[in-house]
Amino acid sequence: MRQNFIFIQSANLNDLSYEALLSSSLLSEQVIQQSAGLDDKRKKQFVACRYLLAELLNEHFDVDQLPNIKIGDNSRPQFEKVNLPDFNISHSGNFIAVAISSTGKIGLDIELARARQNAKKIAMQFFSQQENEWLTQQSDPLNAFWQLWTLRESALKLYAKGVWQMKELAIAMPTQQITAKFATDFYPYHQQLEQIYLSICCSHPIHSIVINE
């Protein structure tokens, strides 16, 4: 089996210049046209995510300009050309992140580190009994909640599933072994960065991960 290299880049939108993004040769005319009808905040987020994606492609896959993207199942973006690597995008608050998988598919989810009202109620509604038992044993329940939530979201995004299928997932902690009714191959990874919780889930075993902040 081919080795699977993961490349991730995150950024704070406040640190990026919209004008500089638009002037980058890495972005295609398609990106500019697709962003035209969005409001100012959403427009910057859209362009910035695709700029990060273009940067990763340029640095690690020798792609000079962002290739055309289409919308696939359940609004999941993907490259039109099937020979290009799979990617996934996530955002929370002013933070954005993009992940690329050299082999197979990838799901990505980030959440801004923050308090979450009704976290216990949400966990009881969506998480398995085993996961809730694990949560109660953790010294930092909020940290553990976000870890579980982002892992679950990344697993759903890997297979283009909706949040309504959250209950079909189960994660054995702390091994992070994922099982689901809709798929069998889950290879997860979680890391807490300075201000965000970040999780990925791949369809192939992960050989190496490079994260740029």
N, C-alpha and C. Protein backbone atom coordinates (compact mmCIF):
# COMPACT_ATOMS: atom_id res chain seq x y z
N MET A 1 0.84 -1.20 0.00
CA MET A 1 0.00 0.00 0.00
C MET A 1 0.88 1.25 0.00
N ARG A 2 0.50 2.24 -0.79
CA ARG A 2 1.25 3.48 -0.85
C ARG A 2 1.22 4.20 0.49
N GLN A 3 2.32 4.86 0.82
CA GLN A 3 2.37 5.63 2.05
C GLN A 3 1.49 6.87 1.92
N ASN A 4 0.91 7.26 3.04
CA ASN A 4 -0.03 8.38 3.05
C ASN A 4 0.58 9.55 3.81
N PHE A 5 0.88 10.62 3.08
CA PHE A 5 1.45 11.82 3.68
C PHE A 5 0.36 12.88 3.81
N ILE A 6 0.24 13.46 5.00
CA ILE A 6 -0.79 14.45 5.28
C ILE A 6 -0.15 15.83 5.44
N PHE A 7 -0.71 16.81 4.76
CA PHE A 7 -0.22 18.19 4.85
C PHE A 7 -1.37 19.09 5.27
N ILE A 8 -1.15 19.85 6.34
CA ILE A 8 -2.21 20.69 6.91
C ILE A 8 -1.69 22.11 7.08
N GLN A 9 -2.53 23.07 6.75
CA GLN A 9 -2.19 24.47 7.00
C GLN A 9 -3.38 25.18 7.61
N SER A 10 -3.13 25.94 8.68
CA SER A 10 -4.18 26.72 9.32
C SER A 10 -3.77 28.19 9.38
N ALA A 11 -4.75 29.05 9.55
CA ALA A 11 -4.46 30.49 9.61
C ALA A 11 -5.60 31.21 10.29
N ASN A 12 -5.28 32.39 10.81
CA ASN A 12 -6.28 33.31 11.35
C ASN A 12 -6.60 34.32 10.26
N LEU A 13 -7.87 34.44 9.91
CA LEU A 13 -8.26 35.36 8.84
C LEU A 13 -7.82 36.79 9.13
N ASN A 14 -7.72 37.15 10.41
CA ASN A 14 -7.31 38.50 10.77
C ASN A 14 -5.87 38.79 10.36
N ASP A 15 -5.10 37.74 10.16
CA ASP A 15 -3.69 37.91 9.79
C ASP A 15 -3.47 37.94 8.27
N LEU A 16 -4.55 37.79 7.51
CA LEU A 16 -4.43 37.72 6.06
C LEU A 16 -5.02 38.96 5.39
N SER A 17 -4.37 39.42 4.35
CA SER A 17 -4.86 40.55 3.56
C SER A 17 -5.66 40.03 2.38
N TYR A 18 -6.92 40.46 2.28
CA TYR A 18 -7.78 40.01 1.19
C TYR A 18 -7.22 40.45 -0.16
N GLU A 19 -6.69 41.66 -0.22
CA GLU A 19 -6.14 42.18 -1.47
C GLU A 19 -4.93 41.35 -1.91
N ALA A 20 -4.09 40.98 -0.93
CA ALA A 20 -2.91 40.17 -1.24
C ALA A 20 -3.30 38.79 -1.73
N LEU A 21 -4.34 38.23 -1.14
CA LEU A 21 -4.82 36.91 -1.56
C LEU A 21 -5.28 36.96 -3.02
N LEU A 22 -6.04 37.98 -3.36
CA LEU A 22 -6.57 38.10 -4.72
C LEU A 22 -5.48 38.26 -5.76
N SER A 23 -4.38 38.87 -5.37
CA SER A 23 -3.30 39.14 -6.32
C SER A 23 -2.35 37.96 -6.49
N SER A 24 -2.55 36.89 -5.73
CA SER A 24 -1.66 35.75 -5.80
C SER A 24 -1.82 34.98 -7.12
N SER A 25 -0.72 34.63 -7.72
CA SER A 25 -0.76 33.85 -8.96
C SER A 25 -1.18 32.40 -8.72
N LEU A 26 -1.24 32.00 -7.45
CA LEU A 26 -1.63 30.63 -7.12
C LEU A 26 -3.13 30.42 -7.31
N LEU A 27 -3.90 31.49 -7.26
CA LEU A 27 -5.36 31.37 -7.37
C LEU A 27 -5.81 31.52 -8.82
N SER A 28 -6.79 30.72 -9.18
CA SER A 28 -7.33 30.74 -10.54
C SER A 28 -8.47 31.73 -10.65
N GLU A 29 -8.85 32.03 -11.86
CA GLU A 29 -9.98 32.92 -12.10
C GLU A 29 -11.27 32.30 -11.59
N GLN A 30 -11.33 30.97 -11.55
CA GLN A 30 -12.53 30.30 -11.05
C GLN A 30 -12.83 30.72 -9.61
N VAL A 31 -11.79 30.83 -8.78
CA VAL A 31 -11.97 31.21 -7.37
C VAL A 31 -12.57 32.62 -7.27
N ILE A 32 -12.04 33.54 -8.06
CA ILE A 32 -12.53 34.92 -8.03
C ILE A 32 -14.00 34.97 -8.45
N GLN A 33 -14.34 34.24 -9.49
CA GLN A 33 -15.73 34.24 -9.99
C GLN A 33 -16.67 33.60 -8.98
N GLN A 34 -16.26 32.51 -8.36
CA GLN A 34 -17.13 31.82 -7.40
C GLN A 34 -17.36 32.64 -6.14
N SER A 35 -16.42 33.49 -5.79
CA SER A 35 -16.54 34.27 -4.56
C SER A 35 -17.34 35.56 -4.77
N ALA A 36 -17.61 35.90 -6.01
CA ALA A 36 -18.19 37.21 -6.33
C ALA A 36 -19.53 37.45 -5.63
N GLY A 37 -20.36 36.43 -5.49
CA GLY A 37 -21.69 36.63 -4.93
C GLY A 37 -21.78 36.50 -3.42
N LEU A 38 -20.66 36.32 -2.76
CA LEU A 38 -20.65 36.13 -1.31
C LEU A 38 -20.53 37.47 -0.59
N ASP A 39 -21.00 37.51 0.69
CA ASP A 39 -20.79 38.72 1.48
C ASP A 39 -19.31 38.84 1.83
N ASP A 40 -18.91 40.00 2.33
CA ASP A 40 -17.49 40.30 2.50
C ASP A 40 -16.78 39.28 3.40
N LYS A 41 -17.37 38.91 4.53
CA LYS A 41 -16.72 37.99 5.45
C LYS A 41 -16.59 36.61 4.83
N ARG A 42 -17.67 36.13 4.24
CA ARG A 42 -17.66 34.80 3.62
C ARG A 42 -16.73 34.79 2.41
N LYS A 43 -16.66 35.90 1.69
CA LYS A 43 -15.80 35.99 0.51
C LYS A 43 -14.34 35.82 0.91
N LYS A 44 -13.90 36.52 1.95
CA LYS A 44 -12.51 36.42 2.39
C LYS A 44 -12.21 35.00 2.86
N GLN A 45 -13.14 34.40 3.59
CA GLN A 45 -12.95 33.04 4.08
C GLN A 45 -12.81 32.06 2.92
N PHE A 46 -13.67 32.19 1.93
CA PHE A 46 -13.66 31.32 0.76
C PHE A 46 -12.33 31.42 0.01
N VAL A 47 -11.91 32.65 -0.26
CA VAL A 47 -10.66 32.88 -1.01
C VAL A 47 -9.46 32.42 -0.19
N ALA A 48 -9.45 32.70 1.11
CA ALA A 48 -8.32 32.34 1.96
C ALA A 48 -8.16 30.82 2.05
N CYS A 49 -9.25 30.09 2.18
CA CYS A 49 -9.16 28.63 2.24
C CYS A 49 -8.55 28.07 0.97
N ARG A 50 -8.96 28.60 -0.15
CA ARG A 50 -8.43 28.10 -1.41
C ARG A 50 -6.98 28.56 -1.64
N TYR A 51 -6.63 29.67 -1.05
CA TYR A 51 -5.23 30.09 -1.12
C TYR A 51 -4.34 29.13 -0.32
N LEU A 52 -4.77 28.75 0.89
CA LEU A 52 -4.01 27.79 1.69
C LEU A 52 -3.89 26.46 0.95
N LEU A 53 -4.97 26.04 0.31
CA LEU A 53 -4.95 24.81 -0.47
C LEU A 53 -3.96 24.91 -1.62
N ALA A 54 -3.96 26.04 -2.31
CA ALA A 54 -3.04 26.25 -3.43
C ALA A 54 -1.60 26.26 -2.95
N GLU A 55 -1.36 26.84 -1.78
CA GLU A 55 0.00 26.86 -1.22
C GLU A 55 0.51 25.45 -0.94
N LEU A 56 -0.36 24.63 -0.33
CA LEU A 56 0.04 23.25 -0.03
C LEU A 56 0.32 22.47 -1.31
N LEU A 57 -0.53 22.64 -2.30
CA LEU A 57 -0.33 21.95 -3.57
C LEU A 57 0.97 22.39 -4.24
N ASN A 58 1.24 23.67 -4.17
CA ASN A 58 2.45 24.20 -4.79
C ASN A 58 3.70 23.70 -4.08
N GLU A 59 3.67 23.67 -2.76
CA GLU A 59 4.84 23.28 -1.98
C GLU A 59 5.12 21.79 -2.03
N HIS A 60 4.07 20.98 -1.98
CA HIS A 60 4.26 19.53 -1.82
C HIS A 60 3.93 18.70 -3.06
N PHE A 61 3.23 19.29 -4.04
CA PHE A 61 2.84 18.53 -5.22
C PHE A 61 3.21 19.23 -6.53
N ASP A 62 3.99 20.30 -6.44
CA ASP A 62 4.49 21.03 -7.62
C ASP A 62 3.37 21.48 -8.55
N VAL A 63 2.27 21.93 -7.99
CA VAL A 63 1.15 22.45 -8.78
C VAL A 63 1.24 23.98 -8.76
N ASP A 64 1.32 24.60 -9.94
CA ASP A 64 1.57 26.04 -10.03
C ASP A 64 0.36 26.90 -9.70
N GLN A 65 -0.82 26.39 -10.00
CA GLN A 65 -2.04 27.16 -9.75
C GLN A 65 -3.16 26.23 -9.32
N LEU A 66 -4.03 26.74 -8.48
CA LEU A 66 -5.11 25.91 -7.96
C LEU A 66 -5.97 25.34 -9.08
N PRO A 67 -6.08 24.00 -9.17
CA PRO A 67 -6.91 23.39 -10.22
C PRO A 67 -8.40 23.63 -9.95
N ASN A 68 -9.21 23.39 -10.97
CA ASN A 68 -10.65 23.56 -10.83
C ASN A 68 -11.22 22.60 -9.79
N ILE A 69 -12.18 23.13 -9.03
CA ILE A 69 -12.83 22.37 -7.96
C ILE A 69 -14.31 22.24 -8.29
N LYS A 70 -14.86 21.07 -8.02
CA LYS A 70 -16.29 20.86 -8.18
C LYS A 70 -16.89 20.46 -6.83
N ILE A 71 -18.21 20.52 -6.73
CA ILE A 71 -18.90 20.12 -5.51
C ILE A 71 -19.44 18.71 -5.69
N GLY A 72 -19.00 17.81 -4.80
CA GLY A 72 -19.42 16.42 -4.88
C GLY A 72 -20.55 16.10 -3.94
N ASP A 73 -20.58 14.87 -3.45
CA ASP A 73 -21.65 14.42 -2.57
C ASP A 73 -21.72 15.26 -1.30
N ASN A 74 -22.96 15.58 -0.90
CA ASN A 74 -23.21 16.30 0.35
C ASN A 74 -22.40 17.59 0.44
N SER A 75 -22.27 18.30 -0.70
CA SER A 75 -21.59 19.59 -0.77
C SER A 75 -20.10 19.50 -0.45
N ARG A 76 -19.50 18.33 -0.65
CA ARG A 76 -18.07 18.15 -0.37
C ARG A 76 -17.26 18.59 -1.59
N PRO A 77 -16.39 19.62 -1.45
CA PRO A 77 -15.58 20.05 -2.59
C PRO A 77 -14.48 19.04 -2.92
N GLN A 78 -14.18 18.92 -4.20
CA GLN A 78 -13.12 18.02 -4.64
C GLN A 78 -12.60 18.51 -5.99
N PHE A 79 -11.38 18.10 -6.33
CA PHE A 79 -10.82 18.50 -7.61
C PHE A 79 -11.55 17.79 -8.75
N GLU A 80 -11.69 18.50 -9.88
CA GLU A 80 -12.32 17.90 -11.04
C GLU A 80 -11.47 16.75 -11.59
N LYS A 81 -10.16 16.92 -11.59
CA LYS A 81 -9.26 15.88 -12.09
C LYS A 81 -9.06 14.81 -11.01
N VAL A 82 -9.30 13.56 -11.37
CA VAL A 82 -9.27 12.48 -10.38
C VAL A 82 -7.85 12.10 -9.97
N ASN A 83 -6.85 12.53 -10.73
CA ASN A 83 -5.47 12.17 -10.38
C ASN A 83 -4.87 13.08 -9.31
N LEU A 84 -5.59 14.12 -8.91
CA LEU A 84 -5.09 15.03 -7.89
C LEU A 84 -5.45 14.52 -6.49
N PRO A 85 -4.69 14.90 -5.46
CA PRO A 85 -4.95 14.39 -4.10
C PRO A 85 -6.26 14.92 -3.53
N ASP A 86 -6.79 14.17 -2.58
CA ASP A 86 -8.02 14.59 -1.90
C ASP A 86 -7.69 15.67 -0.87
N PHE A 87 -8.66 16.53 -0.60
CA PHE A 87 -8.47 17.59 0.39
C PHE A 87 -9.77 17.81 1.15
N ASN A 88 -9.64 18.55 2.26
CA ASN A 88 -10.82 18.93 3.02
C ASN A 88 -10.55 20.27 3.69
N ILE A 89 -11.62 21.01 3.92
CA ILE A 89 -11.53 22.37 4.46
C ILE A 89 -12.41 22.47 5.70
N SER A 90 -11.97 23.27 6.68
CA SER A 90 -12.78 23.51 7.86
C SER A 90 -12.53 24.93 8.36
N HIS A 91 -13.51 25.49 9.07
CA HIS A 91 -13.34 26.82 9.65
C HIS A 91 -14.14 26.91 10.94
N SER A 92 -13.66 27.76 11.84
CA SER A 92 -14.34 28.00 13.11
C SER A 92 -13.92 29.37 13.61
N GLY A 93 -14.91 30.24 13.83
CA GLY A 93 -14.59 31.61 14.20
C GLY A 93 -13.79 32.26 13.08
N ASN A 94 -12.67 32.87 13.42
CA ASN A 94 -11.80 33.49 12.42
C ASN A 94 -10.72 32.55 11.93
N PHE A 95 -10.75 31.30 12.34
CA PHE A 95 -9.70 30.36 11.96
C PHE A 95 -10.17 29.48 10.81
N ILE A 96 -9.22 29.18 9.92
CA ILE A 96 -9.47 28.29 8.79
C ILE A 96 -8.37 27.24 8.74
N ALA A 97 -8.65 26.11 8.13
CA ALA A 97 -7.64 25.07 7.96
C ALA A 97 -7.95 24.26 6.72
N VAL A 98 -6.89 23.76 6.10
CA VAL A 98 -7.00 22.93 4.91
C VAL A 98 -6.08 21.73 5.10
N ALA A 99 -6.54 20.56 4.69
CA ALA A 99 -5.72 19.34 4.79
C ALA A 99 -5.73 18.60 3.46
N ILE A 100 -4.58 18.05 3.10
CA ILE A 100 -4.42 17.26 1.87
C ILE A 100 -3.89 15.88 2.24
N SER A 101 -4.43 14.86 1.60
CA SER A 101 -3.97 13.49 1.80
C SER A 101 -3.37 12.98 0.49
N SER A 102 -2.14 12.46 0.55
CA SER A 102 -1.49 12.00 -0.68
C SER A 102 -2.08 10.69 -1.18
N THR A 103 -2.73 9.94 -0.30
CA THR A 103 -3.33 8.65 -0.66
C THR A 103 -4.72 8.54 -0.05
N GLY A 104 -5.71 8.21 -0.85
CA GLY A 104 -7.06 8.06 -0.32
C GLY A 104 -7.72 9.38 0.02
N LYS A 105 -8.77 9.31 0.81
CA LYS A 105 -9.55 10.50 1.16
C LYS A 105 -9.24 10.96 2.58
N ILE A 106 -9.62 12.23 2.86
CA ILE A 106 -9.37 12.82 4.17
C ILE A 106 -10.55 13.68 4.59
N GLY A 107 -10.83 13.66 5.88
CA GLY A 107 -11.81 14.56 6.48
C GLY A 107 -11.11 15.41 7.52
N LEU A 108 -11.50 16.67 7.62
CA LEU A 108 -10.86 17.61 8.55
C LEU A 108 -11.91 18.39 9.30
N ASP A 109 -11.69 18.58 10.60
CA ASP A 109 -12.57 19.46 11.37
C ASP A 109 -11.75 20.22 12.39
N ILE A 110 -12.01 21.53 12.50
CA ILE A 110 -11.41 22.34 13.55
C ILE A 110 -12.50 23.03 14.35
N GLU A 111 -12.22 23.30 15.60
CA GLU A 111 -13.12 24.07 16.45
C GLU A 111 -12.29 25.03 17.28
N LEU A 112 -12.73 26.27 17.34
CA LEU A 112 -12.07 27.27 18.17
C LEU A 112 -12.20 26.87 19.63
N ALA A 113 -11.11 26.95 20.38
CA ALA A 113 -11.14 26.62 21.80
C ALA A 113 -12.04 27.63 22.52
N ARG A 114 -13.15 27.16 23.04
CA ARG A 114 -14.12 28.05 23.67
C ARG A 114 -15.05 27.22 24.55
N ALA A 115 -15.77 27.90 25.43
CA ALA A 115 -16.77 27.21 26.24
C ALA A 115 -17.91 26.78 25.32
N ARG A 116 -18.58 25.70 25.70
CA ARG A 116 -19.71 25.21 24.91
C ARG A 116 -20.88 24.95 25.84
N GLN A 117 -21.91 25.79 25.71
CA GLN A 117 -23.09 25.59 26.54
C GLN A 117 -23.74 24.25 26.20
N ASN A 118 -24.27 23.61 27.21
CA ASN A 118 -24.96 22.33 27.04
C ASN A 118 -24.06 21.23 26.47
N ALA A 119 -22.75 21.32 26.72
CA ALA A 119 -21.83 20.31 26.20
C ALA A 119 -22.22 18.91 26.70
N LYS A 120 -22.59 18.82 27.97
CA LYS A 120 -22.97 17.53 28.53
C LYS A 120 -24.24 16.99 27.87
N LYS A 121 -25.20 17.87 27.62
CA LYS A 121 -26.45 17.47 26.97
C LYS A 121 -26.18 17.00 25.54
N ILE A 122 -25.32 17.74 24.83
CA ILE A 122 -24.97 17.37 23.46
C ILE A 122 -24.27 16.01 23.44
N ALA A 123 -23.36 15.80 24.40
CA ALA A 123 -22.64 14.53 24.47
C ALA A 123 -23.61 13.37 24.72
N MET A 124 -24.58 13.57 25.59
CA MET A 124 -25.54 12.52 25.89
C MET A 124 -26.41 12.22 24.67
N GLN A 125 -26.65 13.24 23.85
CA GLN A 125 -27.51 13.07 22.68
C GLN A 125 -26.79 12.37 21.53
N PHE A 126 -25.50 12.71 21.32
CA PHE A 126 -24.80 12.24 20.13
C PHE A 126 -23.72 11.20 20.38
N PHE A 127 -23.11 11.19 21.57
CA PHE A 127 -22.00 10.29 21.82
C PHE A 127 -22.48 8.96 22.36
N SER A 128 -21.65 7.94 22.19
CA SER A 128 -22.01 6.61 22.69
C SER A 128 -21.87 6.56 24.22
N GLN A 129 -22.42 5.51 24.83
CA GLN A 129 -22.31 5.35 26.27
C GLN A 129 -20.85 5.24 26.70
N GLN A 130 -20.07 4.51 25.93
CA GLN A 130 -18.65 4.35 26.23
C GLN A 130 -17.92 5.69 26.18
N GLU A 131 -18.26 6.52 25.20
CA GLU A 131 -17.63 7.83 25.08
C GLU A 131 -18.01 8.73 26.24
N ASN A 132 -19.27 8.70 26.65
CA ASN A 132 -19.71 9.52 27.77
C ASN A 132 -19.06 9.07 29.07
N GLU A 133 -18.86 7.78 29.22
CA GLU A 133 -18.16 7.30 30.40
C GLU A 133 -16.72 7.78 30.41
N TRP A 134 -16.08 7.79 29.23
CA TRP A 134 -14.72 8.29 29.11
C TRP A 134 -14.65 9.78 29.45
N LEU A 135 -15.65 10.54 28.99
CA LEU A 135 -15.70 11.97 29.26
C LEU A 135 -15.71 12.27 30.76
N THR A 136 -16.51 11.52 31.50
CA THR A 136 -16.64 11.76 32.94
C THR A 136 -15.34 11.48 33.69
N GLN A 137 -14.43 10.72 33.08
CA GLN A 137 -13.18 10.37 33.74
C GLN A 137 -12.05 11.37 33.45
N GLN A 138 -12.30 12.34 32.57
CA GLN A 138 -11.25 13.26 32.16
C GLN A 138 -11.16 14.46 33.11
N SER A 139 -9.93 14.93 33.33
CA SER A 139 -9.71 16.07 34.22
C SER A 139 -10.19 17.38 33.59
N ASP A 140 -10.23 17.42 32.26
CA ASP A 140 -10.71 18.60 31.54
C ASP A 140 -11.83 18.15 30.59
N PRO A 141 -13.07 18.11 31.08
CA PRO A 141 -14.19 17.60 30.26
C PRO A 141 -14.42 18.40 28.99
N LEU A 142 -14.20 19.71 29.01
CA LEU A 142 -14.43 20.52 27.82
C LEU A 142 -13.41 20.17 26.74
N ASN A 143 -12.16 20.02 27.13
CA ASN A 143 -11.12 19.60 26.20
C ASN A 143 -11.47 18.25 25.58
N ALA A 144 -11.90 17.33 26.42
CA ALA A 144 -12.27 15.99 25.95
C ALA A 144 -13.48 16.04 25.02
N PHE A 145 -14.44 16.92 25.34
CA PHE A 145 -15.62 17.07 24.49
C PHE A 145 -15.22 17.51 23.09
N TRP A 146 -14.36 18.53 22.99
CA TRP A 146 -13.97 19.03 21.67
C TRP A 146 -13.14 18.00 20.91
N GLN A 147 -12.35 17.23 21.63
CA GLN A 147 -11.58 16.18 20.97
C GLN A 147 -12.52 15.18 20.31
N LEU A 148 -13.51 14.72 21.07
CA LEU A 148 -14.47 13.76 20.54
C LEU A 148 -15.29 14.37 19.40
N TRP A 149 -15.72 15.61 19.58
CA TRP A 149 -16.57 16.24 18.57
C TRP A 149 -15.83 16.39 17.24
N THR A 150 -14.60 16.89 17.30
CA THR A 150 -13.85 17.10 16.04
C THR A 150 -13.47 15.78 15.38
N LEU A 151 -13.14 14.78 16.19
CA LEU A 151 -12.87 13.46 15.61
C LEU A 151 -14.10 12.92 14.89
N ARG A 152 -15.25 13.08 15.49
CA ARG A 152 -16.49 12.59 14.89
C ARG A 152 -16.82 13.37 13.61
N GLU A 153 -16.66 14.69 13.66
CA GLU A 153 -16.93 15.50 12.48
C GLU A 153 -15.98 15.14 11.34
N SER A 154 -14.70 14.94 11.65
CA SER A 154 -13.74 14.60 10.60
C SER A 154 -14.07 13.25 9.97
N ALA A 155 -14.56 12.30 10.78
CA ALA A 155 -14.95 10.99 10.26
C ALA A 155 -16.17 11.10 9.35
N LEU A 156 -17.13 11.96 9.72
CA LEU A 156 -18.30 12.18 8.87
C LEU A 156 -17.90 12.85 7.56
N LYS A 157 -17.02 13.84 7.64
CA LYS A 157 -16.60 14.57 6.44
C LYS A 157 -15.76 13.70 5.51
N LEU A 158 -15.04 12.75 6.09
CA LEU A 158 -14.26 11.82 5.27
C LEU A 158 -15.14 11.12 4.25
N TYR A 159 -16.31 10.69 4.68
CA TYR A 159 -17.22 9.94 3.80
C TYR A 159 -18.43 10.76 3.35
N ALA A 160 -18.31 12.10 3.47
CA ALA A 160 -19.36 13.01 2.99
C ALA A 160 -20.72 12.70 3.61
N LYS A 161 -20.70 12.47 4.92
CA LYS A 161 -21.93 12.23 5.65
C LYS A 161 -22.35 13.48 6.41
N GLY A 162 -23.63 13.57 6.74
CA GLY A 162 -24.15 14.74 7.44
C GLY A 162 -24.14 14.56 8.95
N VAL A 163 -24.30 15.68 9.67
CA VAL A 163 -24.26 15.63 11.12
C VAL A 163 -25.39 14.77 11.68
N TRP A 164 -26.46 14.60 10.91
CA TRP A 164 -27.57 13.76 11.38
C TRP A 164 -27.17 12.28 11.50
N GLN A 165 -26.01 11.93 10.92
CA GLN A 165 -25.52 10.56 11.03
C GLN A 165 -24.47 10.40 12.14
N MET A 166 -24.36 11.42 12.98
CA MET A 166 -23.40 11.41 14.07
C MET A 166 -23.58 10.20 14.98
N LYS A 167 -24.82 9.79 15.22
CA LYS A 167 -25.09 8.68 16.13
C LYS A 167 -24.63 7.33 15.57
N GLU A 168 -24.34 7.28 14.27
CA GLU A 168 -23.89 6.03 13.66
C GLU A 168 -22.41 5.76 13.91
N LEU A 169 -21.73 6.74 14.55
CA LEU A 169 -20.31 6.61 14.85
C LEU A 169 -20.10 6.20 16.31
N ALA A 170 -18.99 5.51 16.55
CA ALA A 170 -18.56 5.21 17.92
C ALA A 170 -17.03 5.24 17.94
N ILE A 171 -16.48 5.86 18.98
CA ILE A 171 -15.03 5.97 19.11
C ILE A 171 -14.59 5.34 20.42
N ALA A 172 -13.68 4.39 20.34
CA ALA A 172 -13.11 3.77 21.53
C ALA A 172 -11.92 4.61 21.99
N MET A 173 -12.09 5.31 23.09
CA MET A 173 -11.02 6.15 23.62
C MET A 173 -10.26 5.37 24.68
N PRO A 174 -8.93 5.58 24.88
CA PRO A 174 -8.10 6.57 24.19
C PRO A 174 -7.43 6.07 22.92
N THR A 175 -7.75 4.88 22.45
CA THR A 175 -7.11 4.36 21.23
C THR A 175 -7.63 5.06 19.99
N GLN A 176 -8.76 5.75 20.11
CA GLN A 176 -9.38 6.49 19.01
C GLN A 176 -9.75 5.58 17.84
N GLN A 177 -10.08 4.35 18.12
CA GLN A 177 -10.55 3.43 17.08
C GLN A 177 -12.01 3.75 16.76
N ILE A 178 -12.29 4.02 15.50
CA ILE A 178 -13.62 4.46 15.08
C ILE A 178 -14.34 3.35 14.35
N THR A 179 -15.59 3.16 14.69
CA THR A 179 -16.46 2.23 13.96
C THR A 179 -17.72 2.99 13.54
N ALA A 180 -18.31 2.55 12.43
CA ALA A 180 -19.51 3.21 11.92
C ALA A 180 -20.29 2.24 11.05
N LYS A 181 -21.57 2.53 10.86
CA LYS A 181 -22.42 1.71 10.02
C LYS A 181 -22.14 1.92 8.54
N PHE A 182 -21.62 3.10 8.18
CA PHE A 182 -21.52 3.46 6.77
C PHE A 182 -20.14 3.22 6.16
N ALA A 183 -19.13 2.83 6.96
CA ALA A 183 -17.78 2.60 6.42
C ALA A 183 -16.97 1.79 7.43
N THR A 184 -15.84 1.25 6.96
CA THR A 184 -15.00 0.42 7.81
C THR A 184 -13.59 0.98 8.03
N ASP A 185 -13.15 1.88 7.15
CA ASP A 185 -11.77 2.36 7.22
C ASP A 185 -11.69 3.77 7.80
N PHE A 186 -11.15 3.87 9.01
CA PHE A 186 -10.99 5.15 9.69
C PHE A 186 -9.60 5.19 10.33
N TYR A 187 -8.82 6.19 9.95
CA TYR A 187 -7.49 6.37 10.54
C TYR A 187 -7.42 7.82 11.05
N PRO A 188 -7.70 8.03 12.35
CA PRO A 188 -7.82 9.39 12.88
C PRO A 188 -6.53 9.93 13.50
N TYR A 189 -6.55 11.25 13.67
CA TYR A 189 -5.45 11.94 14.34
C TYR A 189 -6.03 13.22 14.95
N HIS A 190 -5.62 13.52 16.18
CA HIS A 190 -6.11 14.73 16.84
C HIS A 190 -4.96 15.49 17.46
N GLN A 191 -5.02 16.82 17.37
CA GLN A 191 -4.02 17.67 18.02
C GLN A 191 -4.67 18.97 18.43
N GLN A 192 -4.33 19.44 19.63
CA GLN A 192 -4.79 20.75 20.05
C GLN A 192 -3.69 21.76 19.75
N LEU A 193 -3.99 22.68 18.84
CA LEU A 193 -3.07 23.76 18.56
C LEU A 193 -3.31 24.89 19.56
N GLU A 194 -2.67 26.01 19.38
CA GLU A 194 -2.74 27.06 20.40
C GLU A 194 -4.17 27.52 20.66
N GLN A 195 -4.95 27.73 19.62
CA GLN A 195 -6.30 28.25 19.80
C GLN A 195 -7.38 27.38 19.18
N ILE A 196 -7.02 26.27 18.57
CA ILE A 196 -8.03 25.42 17.95
C ILE A 196 -7.78 23.95 18.25
N TYR A 197 -8.87 23.20 18.26
CA TYR A 197 -8.81 21.75 18.28
C TYR A 197 -8.87 21.28 16.84
N LEU A 198 -7.98 20.40 16.45
CA LEU A 198 -7.90 19.95 15.06
C LEU A 198 -7.91 18.43 15.00
N SER A 199 -8.79 17.88 14.17
CA SER A 199 -8.84 16.44 13.95
C SER A 199 -8.91 16.14 12.47
N ILE A 200 -8.25 15.06 12.07
CA ILE A 200 -8.39 14.54 10.72
C ILE A 200 -8.76 13.07 10.80
N CYS A 201 -9.34 12.58 9.73
CA CYS A 201 -9.63 11.16 9.62
C CYS A 201 -9.40 10.76 8.17
N CYS A 202 -8.64 9.70 7.97
CA CYS A 202 -8.25 9.27 6.62
C CYS A 202 -8.79 7.88 6.31
N SER A 203 -8.90 7.59 5.02
CA SER A 203 -9.34 6.26 4.59
C SER A 203 -8.18 5.28 4.50
N HIS A 204 -6.93 5.80 4.62
CA HIS A 204 -5.74 4.97 4.58
C HIS A 204 -4.86 5.27 5.79
N PRO A 205 -4.03 4.33 6.22
CA PRO A 205 -3.13 4.58 7.35
C PRO A 205 -2.25 5.81 7.09
N ILE A 206 -1.98 6.56 8.16
CA ILE A 206 -1.21 7.79 8.06
C ILE A 206 0.27 7.49 8.31
N HIS A 207 1.11 7.89 7.36
CA HIS A 207 2.54 7.68 7.51
C HIS A 207 3.24 8.88 8.14
N SER A 208 2.83 10.09 7.74
CA SER A 208 3.48 11.29 8.23
C SER A 208 2.50 12.46 8.18
N ILE A 209 2.61 13.38 9.13
CA ILE A 209 1.76 14.56 9.17
C ILE A 209 2.63 15.80 9.32
N VAL A 210 2.40 16.79 8.45
CA VAL A 210 3.08 18.08 8.54
C VAL A 210 2.02 19.14 8.73
N ILE A 211 2.14 19.90 9.83
CA ILE A 211 1.16 20.96 10.14
C ILE A 211 1.87 22.31 10.13
N ASN A 212 1.37 23.21 9.29
CA ASN A 212 1.87 24.59 9.25
C ASN A 212 0.83 25.50 9.84
N GLU A 213 1.25 26.35 10.77
CA GLU A 213 0.32 27.33 11.38
C GLU A 213 0.66 28.73 10.90
